[in-house]
Amino acid sequence: MGAMLALGVGCATSPTRETTGQYFHDAAITSKIKAHILEDRSLEGFQIKVDTYRGHVLLSGFVSSERQLREALHIARTTPGVVSVRNALVIKGASGGTAAGPASE
């Protein structure tokens, strides 16, 4: 009985912690998005970081154009399991070096 309680505590979730299942689900989403970005010829060679927490995706890094930014967002938004996408991508050469494009879905 004590072992069962100990296992239950390890699976508990909180606003800042994921269960093991959630962690692996998020890792799978991140991997799918990264794979699709790498497969996209228009995005190859760009450094786009993908972070996922409970199905919420954050894209960050640099792209060269608005079209590339939109394509990266489209890939993330159409990946199964994604709840929302937050954009922190920066278009190289954009004035002020700030993130451009839609902030979230």
C-alpha atoms as a PDB file:
ATOM      1  CA  MET A   1       0.000   0.000   0.000  1.00  0.00           C
ATOM      2  CA  GLY A   2       2.816   2.433   0.821  1.00  0.00           C
ATOM      3  CA  ALA A   3       4.460   1.715  -2.535  1.00  0.00           C
ATOM      4  CA  MET A   4       1.203   2.494  -4.315  1.00  0.00           C
ATOM      5  CA  LEU A   5       0.926   5.803  -2.468  1.00  0.00           C
ATOM      6  CA  ALA A   6       4.509   6.665  -3.315  1.00  0.00           C
ATOM      7  CA  LEU A   7       3.836   5.960  -6.999  1.00  0.00           C
ATOM      8  CA  GLY A   8       0.709   8.088  -6.892  1.00  0.00           C
ATOM      9  CA  VAL A   9       2.625  11.027  -5.480  1.00  0.00           C
ATOM     10  CA  GLY A  10       5.174  10.754  -8.288  1.00  0.00           C
ATOM     11  CA  CYS A  11       2.389  11.077 -10.854  1.00  0.00           C
ATOM     12  CA  ALA A  12       0.784  14.099  -9.243  1.00  0.00           C
ATOM     13  CA  THR A  13       0.562  17.225 -11.343  1.00  0.00           C
ATOM     14  CA  SER A  14       0.641  20.886 -10.421  1.00  0.00           C
ATOM     15  CA  PRO A  15       0.495  24.134 -12.387  1.00  0.00           C
ATOM     16  CA  THR A  16       4.279  24.027 -12.875  1.00  0.00           C
ATOM     17  CA  ARG A  17       4.905  20.260 -13.061  1.00  0.00           C
ATOM     18  CA  GLU A  18       3.839  17.649 -15.567  1.00  0.00           C
ATOM     19  CA  THR A  19       3.074  14.007 -15.048  1.00  0.00           C
ATOM     20  CA  THR A  20       5.368  11.531 -16.775  1.00  0.00           C
ATOM     21  CA  GLY A  21       2.671  10.941 -19.393  1.00  0.00           C
ATOM     22  CA  GLN A  22       2.309  14.665 -20.083  1.00  0.00           C
ATOM     23  CA  TYR A  23       6.075  15.017 -20.370  1.00  0.00           C
ATOM     24  CA  PHE A  24       6.286  12.269 -23.003  1.00  0.00           C
ATOM     25  CA  HIS A  25       3.242  13.640 -24.847  1.00  0.00           C
ATOM     26  CA  ASP A  26       4.881  17.083 -24.989  1.00  0.00           C
ATOM     27  CA  ALA A  27       8.187  15.551 -26.103  1.00  0.00           C
ATOM     28  CA  ALA A  28       6.368  13.772 -28.941  1.00  0.00           C
ATOM     29  CA  ILE A  29       4.706  17.032 -30.046  1.00  0.00           C
ATOM     30  CA  THR A  30       8.064  18.845 -29.967  1.00  0.00           C
ATOM     31  CA  SER A  31       9.717  16.070 -31.990  1.00  0.00           C
ATOM     32  CA  LYS A  32       6.963  16.085 -34.629  1.00  0.00           C
ATOM     33  CA  ILE A  33       7.174  19.862 -35.060  1.00  0.00           C
ATOM     34  CA  LYS A  34      10.978  19.808 -35.277  1.00  0.00           C
ATOM     35  CA  ALA A  35      10.877  16.990 -37.840  1.00  0.00           C
ATOM     36  CA  HIS A  36       8.386  18.874 -40.018  1.00  0.00           C
ATOM     37  CA  ILE A  37      10.456  22.067 -39.794  1.00  0.00           C
ATOM     38  CA  LEU A  38      13.584  20.150 -40.830  1.00  0.00           C
ATOM     39  CA  GLU A  39      11.702  18.565 -43.757  1.00  0.00           C
ATOM     40  CA  ASP A  40      10.493  21.948 -45.029  1.00  0.00           C
ATOM     41  CA  ARG A  41      12.963  23.160 -47.680  1.00  0.00           C
ATOM     42  CA  SER A  42      12.034  26.813 -47.072  1.00  0.00           C
ATOM     43  CA  LEU A  43      13.013  26.538 -43.398  1.00  0.00           C
ATOM     44  CA  GLU A  44      16.149  24.414 -43.634  1.00  0.00           C
ATOM     45  CA  GLY A  45      19.201  25.952 -42.083  1.00  0.00           C
ATOM     46  CA  PHE A  46      17.267  28.189 -39.705  1.00  0.00           C
ATOM     47  CA  GLN A  47      17.509  27.927 -35.955  1.00  0.00           C
ATOM     48  CA  ILE A  48      13.980  27.520 -34.658  1.00  0.00           C
ATOM     49  CA  LYS A  49      13.613  26.338 -31.082  1.00  0.00           C
ATOM     50  CA  VAL A  50      10.463  24.463 -30.109  1.00  0.00           C
ATOM     51  CA  ASP A  51       9.312  24.159 -26.485  1.00  0.00           C
ATOM     52  CA  THR A  52       6.102  22.424 -25.436  1.00  0.00           C
ATOM     53  CA  TYR A  53       4.321  22.427 -22.080  1.00  0.00           C
ATOM     54  CA  ARG A  54       0.969  20.704 -21.727  1.00  0.00           C
ATOM     55  CA  GLY A  55       0.342  21.020 -25.459  1.00  0.00           C
ATOM     56  CA  HIS A  56       1.158  24.744 -25.535  1.00  0.00           C
ATOM     57  CA  VAL A  57       3.995  25.373 -27.992  1.00  0.00           C
ATOM     58  CA  LEU A  58       6.509  28.219 -27.985  1.00  0.00           C
ATOM     59  CA  LEU A  59       8.494  28.872 -31.164  1.00  0.00           C
ATOM     60  CA  SER A  60      11.605  31.018 -30.798  1.00  0.00           C
ATOM     61  CA  GLY A  61      14.676  31.795 -32.850  1.00  0.00           C
ATOM     62  CA  PHE A  62      15.353  33.513 -36.158  1.00  0.00           C
ATOM     63  CA  VAL A  63      13.937  33.360 -39.678  1.00  0.00           C
ATOM     64  CA  SER A  64      14.636  35.513 -42.741  1.00  0.00           C
ATOM     65  CA  SER A  65      11.131  36.420 -43.871  1.00  0.00           C
ATOM     66  CA  GLU A  66       7.498  36.804 -42.906  1.00  0.00           C
ATOM     67  CA  ARG A  67       6.712  33.819 -45.168  1.00  0.00           C
ATOM     68  CA  GLN A  68       9.104  31.592 -43.214  1.00  0.00           C
ATOM     69  CA  LEU A  69       7.602  32.804 -39.943  1.00  0.00           C
ATOM     70  CA  ARG A  70       4.083  31.968 -41.174  1.00  0.00           C
ATOM     71  CA  GLU A  71       5.215  28.541 -42.398  1.00  0.00           C
ATOM     72  CA  ALA A  72       6.784  27.660 -39.032  1.00  0.00           C
ATOM     73  CA  LEU A  73       3.601  28.762 -37.237  1.00  0.00           C
ATOM     74  CA  HIS A  74       1.463  26.737 -39.655  1.00  0.00           C
ATOM     75  CA  ILE A  75       3.537  23.609 -39.038  1.00  0.00           C
ATOM     76  CA  ALA A  76       3.185  23.983 -35.268  1.00  0.00           C
ATOM     77  CA  ARG A  77      -0.538  24.806 -35.355  1.00  0.00           C
ATOM     78  CA  THR A  78      -1.418  21.821 -37.552  1.00  0.00           C
ATOM     79  CA  THR A  79       0.524  19.272 -35.486  1.00  0.00           C
ATOM     80  CA  PRO A  80      -1.827  16.883 -33.650  1.00  0.00           C
ATOM     81  CA  GLY A  81      -1.977  17.479 -29.897  1.00  0.00           C
ATOM     82  CA  VAL A  82      -1.092  21.176 -30.052  1.00  0.00           C
ATOM     83  CA  VAL A  83      -3.378  23.317 -27.871  1.00  0.00           C
ATOM     84  CA  SER A  84      -1.901  26.728 -28.764  1.00  0.00           C
ATOM     85  CA  VAL A  85       1.159  28.257 -30.384  1.00  0.00           C
ATOM     86  CA  ARG A  86       3.019  31.304 -29.092  1.00  0.00           C
ATOM     87  CA  ASN A  87       5.327  33.107 -31.484  1.00  0.00           C
ATOM     88  CA  ALA A  88       8.673  34.454 -30.307  1.00  0.00           C
ATOM     89  CA  LEU A  89      10.356  34.157 -33.721  1.00  0.00           C
ATOM     90  CA  VAL A  90      12.386  37.143 -34.907  1.00  0.00           C
ATOM     91  CA  ILE A  91      12.746  38.078 -38.550  1.00  0.00           C
ATOM     92  CA  LYS A  92      16.416  38.829 -39.245  1.00  0.00           C
ATOM     93  CA  GLY A  93      16.834  42.408 -40.294  1.00  0.00           C
ATOM     94  CA  ALA A  94      13.494  43.529 -38.826  1.00  0.00           C
ATOM     95  CA  SER A  95      13.873  46.943 -37.217  1.00  0.00           C
ATOM     96  CA  GLY A  96      14.500  46.750 -33.504  1.00  0.00           C
ATOM     97  CA  GLY A  97      15.053  42.981 -33.618  1.00  0.00           C
ATOM     98  CA  THR A  98      11.631  42.303 -32.146  1.00  0.00           C
ATOM     99  CA  ALA A  99       9.396  39.333 -32.727  1.00  0.00           C
ATOM    100  CA  ALA A 100       7.076  39.755 -35.685  1.00  0.00           C
ATOM    101  CA  GLY A 101       3.838  38.167 -36.704  1.00  0.00           C
ATOM    102  CA  PRO A 102       0.855  36.871 -34.763  1.00  0.00           C
ATOM    103  CA  ALA A 103       1.596  36.446 -31.059  1.00  0.00           C
ATOM    104  CA  SER A 104      -0.461  33.326 -30.511  1.00  0.00           C
ATOM    105  CA  GLU A 105      -3.231  31.140 -31.800  1.00  0.00           C
END
